[in-house]
Protein backbone atom coordinates (compact mmCIF):
# COMPACT_ATOMS: atom_id res chain seq x y z
CA MET A 1 167.45 15.63 69.24
CA ILE A 2 169.98 13.87 71.36
CA GLU A 3 168.53 10.63 72.93
CA PRO A 4 168.85 9.73 76.63
CA GLY A 5 172.11 7.79 77.12
CA LYS A 6 173.97 9.63 74.40
CA LYS A 7 176.88 11.97 74.88
CA VAL A 8 176.12 15.62 74.43
CA PRO A 9 178.24 17.93 72.22
CA ALA A 10 180.57 20.34 73.92
CA PHE A 11 179.95 24.06 73.65
CA THR A 12 181.11 27.40 74.94
CA LEU A 13 178.77 30.42 75.13
CA LYS A 14 178.71 33.76 76.85
CA ASP A 15 176.19 34.64 79.49
CA GLN A 16 174.40 37.95 80.28
CA ASN A 17 177.62 39.28 81.93
CA GLY A 18 179.95 38.37 79.09
CA LYS A 19 181.35 35.37 80.96
CA SER A 20 182.14 32.34 78.96
CA HIS A 21 180.66 29.00 80.07
CA SER A 22 181.96 25.62 78.62
CA LEU A 23 180.02 22.45 79.25
CA THR A 24 183.32 20.83 80.22
CA ASP A 25 183.65 23.28 83.12
CA TYR A 26 180.82 21.52 84.75
CA ALA A 27 181.94 17.87 84.21
CA GLY A 28 181.24 15.58 87.15
CA ARG A 29 177.98 17.25 88.16
CA PRO A 30 174.43 17.42 86.71
CA VAL A 31 173.66 20.21 84.19
CA VAL A 32 170.21 21.42 83.34
CA LEU A 33 170.20 23.01 79.96
CA TYR A 34 166.85 24.52 78.99
CA PHE A 35 166.36 26.08 75.49
CA TYR A 36 163.70 28.76 75.26
CA PRO A 37 162.48 30.79 72.39
CA LYS A 38 162.93 34.43 73.44
CA ASP A 39 163.90 36.66 76.31
CA ASP A 40 161.21 38.48 78.14
CA THR A 41 158.19 36.88 76.69
CA PRO A 42 155.42 35.45 78.84
CA GLY A 43 156.15 31.78 78.69
CA CYS A 44 159.88 32.16 78.75
CA THR A 45 159.76 34.71 81.59
CA LYS A 46 157.66 32.22 83.68
CA GLU A 47 159.93 29.34 82.94
CA THR A 48 163.05 31.30 83.82
CA CYS A 49 161.65 32.68 86.93
CA ASP A 50 160.58 29.19 88.02
CA PHE A 51 164.16 27.92 87.66
CA ARG A 52 165.28 31.01 89.45
CA ASP A 53 162.92 30.34 92.26
CA HIS A 54 164.01 26.64 92.53
CA LEU A 55 167.73 27.37 92.14
CA PRO A 56 168.64 26.83 95.80
CA ARG A 57 167.25 23.39 95.62
CA PHE A 58 169.27 22.74 92.34
CA LYS A 59 172.37 23.98 94.00
CA THR A 60 171.73 21.55 96.96
CA ALA A 61 171.74 18.79 94.40
CA LYS A 62 174.98 20.27 92.98
CA ALA A 63 173.27 20.86 89.66
CA ALA A 64 174.14 23.79 87.34
CA VAL A 65 171.28 25.48 85.50
CA PHE A 66 171.52 27.33 82.17
CA GLY A 67 168.90 28.89 79.94
CA VAL A 68 169.81 29.23 76.19
CA SER A 69 168.24 31.28 73.47
CA ILE A 70 169.41 32.97 70.35
CA LEU A 71 169.19 36.49 71.52
CA ASP A 72 172.47 38.38 72.34
CA GLU A 73 174.20 39.01 75.62
CA ALA A 74 172.65 42.56 75.88
CA SER A 75 169.22 41.09 75.67
CA LYS A 76 170.12 38.54 78.21
CA ALA A 77 171.45 41.27 80.57
CA ARG A 78 168.20 43.25 80.34
CA PHE A 79 166.14 40.10 80.89
CA ALA A 80 168.25 38.94 83.85
CA SER A 81 168.19 42.36 85.46
CA LYS A 82 164.42 42.85 85.05
CA TYR A 83 163.62 39.54 86.79
CA ASP A 84 166.60 39.14 89.13
CA VAL A 85 167.94 36.04 87.34
CA ASN A 86 170.75 34.71 89.25
CA PHE A 87 172.08 31.96 86.99
CA PRO A 88 173.58 32.06 83.45
CA LEU A 89 171.38 32.87 80.51
CA LEU A 90 173.58 31.81 77.51
CA ALA A 91 173.46 33.71 74.08
CA ASP A 92 173.40 31.29 71.22
CA THR A 93 173.25 34.12 68.63
CA ASP A 94 174.05 31.93 65.59
CA HIS A 95 171.95 29.02 66.93
CA ALA A 96 174.82 26.62 66.43
CA VAL A 97 174.30 25.01 69.86
CA ALA A 98 170.57 24.85 69.34
CA GLU A 99 171.28 22.96 66.07
CA LYS A 100 173.66 20.59 67.65
CA TYR A 101 171.05 19.80 70.37
CA GLY A 102 168.27 19.47 67.71
CA VAL A 103 166.01 22.25 69.18
CA TRP A 104 166.41 24.64 66.19
CA GLN A 105 163.32 23.69 64.22
CA GLN A 106 160.67 25.07 61.98
CA LYS A 107 157.89 26.54 63.95
CA SER A 108 154.44 28.03 62.93
CA LEU A 109 152.49 30.84 64.48
CA TYR A 110 149.32 32.23 62.93
CA GLY A 111 150.09 30.50 59.65
CA ARG A 112 153.56 31.95 59.39
CA LYS A 113 156.48 29.52 59.35
CA PHE A 114 159.85 30.44 60.74
CA MET A 115 162.92 28.87 62.45
CA GLY A 116 163.31 29.03 66.17
CA ASN A 117 164.18 27.22 69.44
CA VAL A 118 161.57 24.62 70.40
CA ARG A 119 161.23 24.79 74.20
CA THR A 120 163.31 21.77 75.32
CA THR A 121 165.14 20.81 78.43
CA TYR A 122 168.15 18.48 78.68
CA LEU A 123 169.28 16.91 81.98
CA ILE A 124 172.97 16.03 81.41
CA ASP A 125 174.48 13.70 83.98
CA ALA A 126 177.87 13.73 85.60
CA ASP A 127 179.40 11.85 82.60
CA GLY A 128 178.14 14.25 80.05
CA LYS A 129 175.34 12.08 78.74
CA VAL A 130 171.62 12.83 78.48
CA ALA A 131 169.85 11.56 81.60
CA ARG A 132 166.54 12.93 80.53
CA ARG A 133 165.04 15.12 77.81
CA TRP A 134 161.79 17.11 77.98
CA ASP A 135 160.27 17.94 74.60
CA ASN A 136 157.75 20.58 73.74
CA VAL A 137 157.82 21.76 77.40
CA LYS A 138 154.76 22.98 79.10
CA VAL A 139 156.05 25.71 81.50
CA ASP A 140 153.76 25.15 84.48
CA GLY A 141 155.43 22.78 86.92
CA HIS A 142 158.37 22.14 84.62
CA ALA A 143 161.16 23.36 86.95
CA GLU A 144 159.74 21.16 89.69
CA ASP A 145 159.73 18.12 87.30
CA VAL A 146 163.31 18.76 86.35
CA LEU A 147 164.37 19.17 89.98
CA GLU A 148 162.80 15.74 90.84
CA ALA A 149 164.78 14.12 88.08
CA VAL A 150 167.98 15.77 89.22
CA LYS A 151 167.39 14.36 92.71
CA VAL A 152 167.49 10.71 91.43
CA LEU A 153 170.70 11.08 89.50
């Protein structure tokens, strides 16, 4: 995990429309980067829809919002279309970005161990440093918490 105050690694990933997004494209403004386990699952859908619903307020604060999971662009396109997601969902299919950000971890479900994204959000400041990090995110109220943190940057 990248600690607050540390510079974040650069990356370029494609979104649900096949458009490439590089972190450097958003230099000089806040970036919300939330890592989630899987498209179109209950918790991930609620989290994404909460960010979608708060997006106008993030835009007012000049913040860019990105969701990141390991599923491909086609999965992201179906997910975005189904829930009218109007911000980039980034496909990290080889989990390289998740590894750089420390969120690719061993998880356990019903006694089965596997690797996956741990629900984590990074708020990156205008200088490309971690302003705040939320670990093991609980979905309810999370988008609002992130928005409040963006406002004080």
